[in-house]
């Protein structure tokens, strides 16, 4: 079970590192061509979401891997799950596909439960 949880953590961390990194590094106007919700948000909100996603990705790996405050790993998974609830809602509201967000949401919940102290 430990290896499966690590695989899930690494996968989810990679997803959030890429998506969060894009939100931090790419201008909002360019993001809005693919991420339609970004046109409704301010630059600061998009960047803040990106930073939260990248920090969440770090929180999925670093605490447990280092042995320093490992209780932060399930907490990070829960926080990312909450972000994904918002993503599912937003994609449904815009009439876009939301299945990938639901999948990653489910993985976050599995990680949170599997790594709970």
C-alpha atoms as a PDB file:
ATOM      1  CA  UNK A   1       0.000   0.000   0.000  1.00  0.00           C
ATOM      2  CA  UNK A   2       2.867   2.362   0.768  1.00  0.00           C
ATOM      3  CA  UNK A   3       4.207   2.118  -2.795  1.00  0.00           C
ATOM      4  CA  UNK A   4       0.769   2.784  -4.264  1.00  0.00           C
ATOM      5  CA  UNK A   5       0.374   5.868  -2.064  1.00  0.00           C
ATOM      6  CA  UNK A   6       3.809   7.126  -3.073  1.00  0.00           C
ATOM      7  CA  UNK A   7       2.917   6.599  -6.735  1.00  0.00           C
ATOM      8  CA  UNK A   8      -0.305   8.550  -6.259  1.00  0.00           C
ATOM      9  CA  UNK A   9       1.511  11.315  -4.375  1.00  0.00           C
ATOM     10  CA  UNK A  10       4.158  11.650  -7.076  1.00  0.00           C
ATOM     11  CA  UNK A  11       1.557  11.674  -9.855  1.00  0.00           C
ATOM     12  CA  UNK A  12      -0.630  14.282  -8.141  1.00  0.00           C
ATOM     13  CA  UNK A  13       2.423  16.381  -7.237  1.00  0.00           C
ATOM     14  CA  UNK A  14       3.539  16.332 -10.871  1.00  0.00           C
ATOM     15  CA  UNK A  15       0.067  17.387 -12.051  1.00  0.00           C
ATOM     16  CA  UNK A  16      -0.044  20.306  -9.626  1.00  0.00           C
ATOM     17  CA  UNK A  17       3.546  21.329 -10.292  1.00  0.00           C
ATOM     18  CA  UNK A  18       2.821  21.607 -14.007  1.00  0.00           C
ATOM     19  CA  UNK A  19      -0.603  23.244 -13.741  1.00  0.00           C
ATOM     20  CA  UNK A  20       0.450  25.552 -10.915  1.00  0.00           C
ATOM     21  CA  UNK A  21       3.704  26.431 -12.639  1.00  0.00           C
ATOM     22  CA  UNK A  22       1.819  27.385 -15.786  1.00  0.00           C
ATOM     23  CA  UNK A  23      -0.481  29.651 -13.797  1.00  0.00           C
ATOM     24  CA  UNK A  24       2.509  31.348 -12.188  1.00  0.00           C
ATOM     25  CA  UNK A  25       4.694  31.683 -15.291  1.00  0.00           C
ATOM     26  CA  UNK A  26       2.284  32.226 -18.202  1.00  0.00           C
ATOM     27  CA  UNK A  27       0.435  35.544 -18.568  1.00  0.00           C
ATOM     28  CA  UNK A  28      -3.262  35.317 -17.705  1.00  0.00           C
ATOM     29  CA  UNK A  29      -4.350  36.494 -21.160  1.00  0.00           C
ATOM     30  CA  UNK A  30      -2.493  33.594 -22.779  1.00  0.00           C
ATOM     31  CA  UNK A  31      -3.826  31.122 -20.189  1.00  0.00           C
ATOM     32  CA  UNK A  32      -7.369  32.290 -20.915  1.00  0.00           C
ATOM     33  CA  UNK A  33      -7.170  30.875 -24.448  1.00  0.00           C
ATOM     34  CA  UNK A  34      -7.078  27.336 -22.993  1.00  0.00           C
ATOM     35  CA  UNK A  35      -8.301  27.896 -19.425  1.00  0.00           C
ATOM     36  CA  UNK A  36     -11.485  29.871 -20.053  1.00  0.00           C
ATOM     37  CA  UNK A  37     -12.119  30.564 -16.384  1.00  0.00           C
ATOM     38  CA  UNK A  38      -8.915  32.654 -16.285  1.00  0.00           C
ATOM     39  CA  UNK A  39     -10.581  35.418 -18.288  1.00  0.00           C
ATOM     40  CA  UNK A  40     -12.917  36.023 -15.319  1.00  0.00           C
ATOM     41  CA  UNK A  41     -10.080  36.202 -12.771  1.00  0.00           C
ATOM     42  CA  UNK A  42      -7.532  38.888 -11.986  1.00  0.00           C
ATOM     43  CA  UNK A  43      -3.838  38.314 -12.625  1.00  0.00           C
ATOM     44  CA  UNK A  44      -3.194  38.163  -8.889  1.00  0.00           C
ATOM     45  CA  UNK A  45      -5.851  35.484  -8.280  1.00  0.00           C
ATOM     46  CA  UNK A  46      -4.492  33.291 -11.073  1.00  0.00           C
ATOM     47  CA  UNK A  47      -0.936  33.641  -9.736  1.00  0.00           C
ATOM     48  CA  UNK A  48      -2.098  32.955  -6.177  1.00  0.00           C
ATOM     49  CA  UNK A  49      -3.875  29.795  -7.305  1.00  0.00           C
ATOM     50  CA  UNK A  50      -0.713  28.701  -9.102  1.00  0.00           C
ATOM     51  CA  UNK A  51       1.425  29.281  -6.016  1.00  0.00           C
ATOM     52  CA  UNK A  52      -1.084  27.356  -3.878  1.00  0.00           C
ATOM     53  CA  UNK A  53      -0.955  24.435  -6.314  1.00  0.00           C
ATOM     54  CA  UNK A  54       2.857  24.339  -6.380  1.00  0.00           C
ATOM     55  CA  UNK A  55       3.069  24.572  -2.585  1.00  0.00           C
ATOM     56  CA  UNK A  56       0.459  21.822  -2.314  1.00  0.00           C
ATOM     57  CA  UNK A  57       2.596  19.642  -4.581  1.00  0.00           C
ATOM     58  CA  UNK A  58       5.587  20.231  -2.317  1.00  0.00           C
ATOM     59  CA  UNK A  59       3.402  19.423   0.684  1.00  0.00           C
ATOM     60  CA  UNK A  60       2.464  16.067  -0.802  1.00  0.00           C
ATOM     61  CA  UNK A  61       6.090  14.932  -0.998  1.00  0.00           C
ATOM     62  CA  UNK A  62       8.477  16.878   1.238  1.00  0.00           C
ATOM     63  CA  UNK A  63       7.071  16.324   4.749  1.00  0.00           C
ATOM     64  CA  UNK A  64       6.765  12.561   4.482  1.00  0.00           C
ATOM     65  CA  UNK A  65       9.968  12.135   2.484  1.00  0.00           C
ATOM     66  CA  UNK A  66      11.995  14.176   4.973  1.00  0.00           C
ATOM     67  CA  UNK A  67      10.278  12.865   8.091  1.00  0.00           C
ATOM     68  CA  UNK A  68       9.761  16.452   9.250  1.00  0.00           C
ATOM     69  CA  UNK A  69       6.115  17.098  10.159  1.00  0.00           C
ATOM     70  CA  UNK A  70       4.704  14.193   8.115  1.00  0.00           C
ATOM     71  CA  UNK A  71       1.189  15.122   9.259  1.00  0.00           C
ATOM     72  CA  UNK A  72       1.388  17.894   6.646  1.00  0.00           C
ATOM     73  CA  UNK A  73       1.164  15.390   3.772  1.00  0.00           C
ATOM     74  CA  UNK A  74      -2.488  14.389   4.362  1.00  0.00           C
ATOM     75  CA  UNK A  75      -3.283  18.021   5.152  1.00  0.00           C
ATOM     76  CA  UNK A  76      -1.813  19.099   1.802  1.00  0.00           C
ATOM     77  CA  UNK A  77      -3.851  16.382   0.079  1.00  0.00           C
ATOM     78  CA  UNK A  78      -7.038  17.671   1.712  1.00  0.00           C
ATOM     79  CA  UNK A  79      -6.266  21.259   0.751  1.00  0.00           C
ATOM     80  CA  UNK A  80      -5.637  20.237  -2.853  1.00  0.00           C
ATOM     81  CA  UNK A  81      -8.889  18.263  -2.798  1.00  0.00           C
ATOM     82  CA  UNK A  82     -10.711  21.454  -1.799  1.00  0.00           C
ATOM     83  CA  UNK A  83      -9.108  23.305  -4.709  1.00  0.00           C
ATOM     84  CA  UNK A  84     -10.289  20.523  -6.986  1.00  0.00           C
ATOM     85  CA  UNK A  85     -13.866  20.795  -5.714  1.00  0.00           C
ATOM     86  CA  UNK A  86     -13.745  24.372  -6.959  1.00  0.00           C
ATOM     87  CA  UNK A  87     -12.226  23.230 -10.248  1.00  0.00           C
ATOM     88  CA  UNK A  88     -14.976  20.658 -10.814  1.00  0.00           C
ATOM     89  CA  UNK A  89     -17.627  23.269 -10.045  1.00  0.00           C
ATOM     90  CA  UNK A  90     -16.025  25.791 -12.403  1.00  0.00           C
ATOM     91  CA  UNK A  91     -15.595  23.335 -15.276  1.00  0.00           C
ATOM     92  CA  UNK A  92     -19.199  22.140 -14.909  1.00  0.00           C
ATOM     93  CA  UNK A  93     -20.447  25.741 -14.848  1.00  0.00           C
ATOM     94  CA  UNK A  94     -18.554  26.489 -18.066  1.00  0.00           C
ATOM     95  CA  UNK A  95     -19.761  23.299 -19.739  1.00  0.00           C
ATOM     96  CA  UNK A  96     -16.251  21.862 -19.941  1.00  0.00           C
ATOM     97  CA  UNK A  97     -15.025  18.370 -19.194  1.00  0.00           C
ATOM     98  CA  UNK A  98     -14.282  17.832 -15.537  1.00  0.00           C
ATOM     99  CA  UNK A  99     -13.451  14.121 -15.368  1.00  0.00           C
ATOM    100  CA  UNK A 100      -9.673  14.712 -14.968  1.00  0.00           C
ATOM    101  CA  UNK A 101     -10.327  16.985 -11.985  1.00  0.00           C
ATOM    102  CA  UNK A 102     -12.588  14.350 -10.415  1.00  0.00           C
ATOM    103  CA  UNK A 103      -9.869  11.710 -10.877  1.00  0.00           C
ATOM    104  CA  UNK A 104      -7.198  13.859  -9.227  1.00  0.00           C
ATOM    105  CA  UNK A 105      -9.689  14.802  -6.493  1.00  0.00           C
ATOM    106  CA  UNK A 106     -10.259  11.111  -5.768  1.00  0.00           C
ATOM    107  CA  UNK A 107      -6.506  10.503  -5.634  1.00  0.00           C
ATOM    108  CA  UNK A 108      -6.103  13.399  -3.184  1.00  0.00           C
ATOM    109  CA  UNK A 109      -8.741  11.890  -0.919  1.00  0.00           C
ATOM    110  CA  UNK A 110      -7.078   8.461  -1.099  1.00  0.00           C
ATOM    111  CA  UNK A 111      -3.753  10.063  -0.164  1.00  0.00           C
ATOM    112  CA  UNK A 112      -5.330  11.991   2.706  1.00  0.00           C
ATOM    113  CA  UNK A 113      -6.950   8.874   4.139  1.00  0.00           C
ATOM    114  CA  UNK A 114      -3.979   6.615   3.451  1.00  0.00           C
ATOM    115  CA  UNK A 115      -1.492   8.987   5.048  1.00  0.00           C
ATOM    116  CA  UNK A 116      -3.661  10.096   7.972  1.00  0.00           C
ATOM    117  CA  UNK A 117      -1.843   9.687  11.287  1.00  0.00           C
END
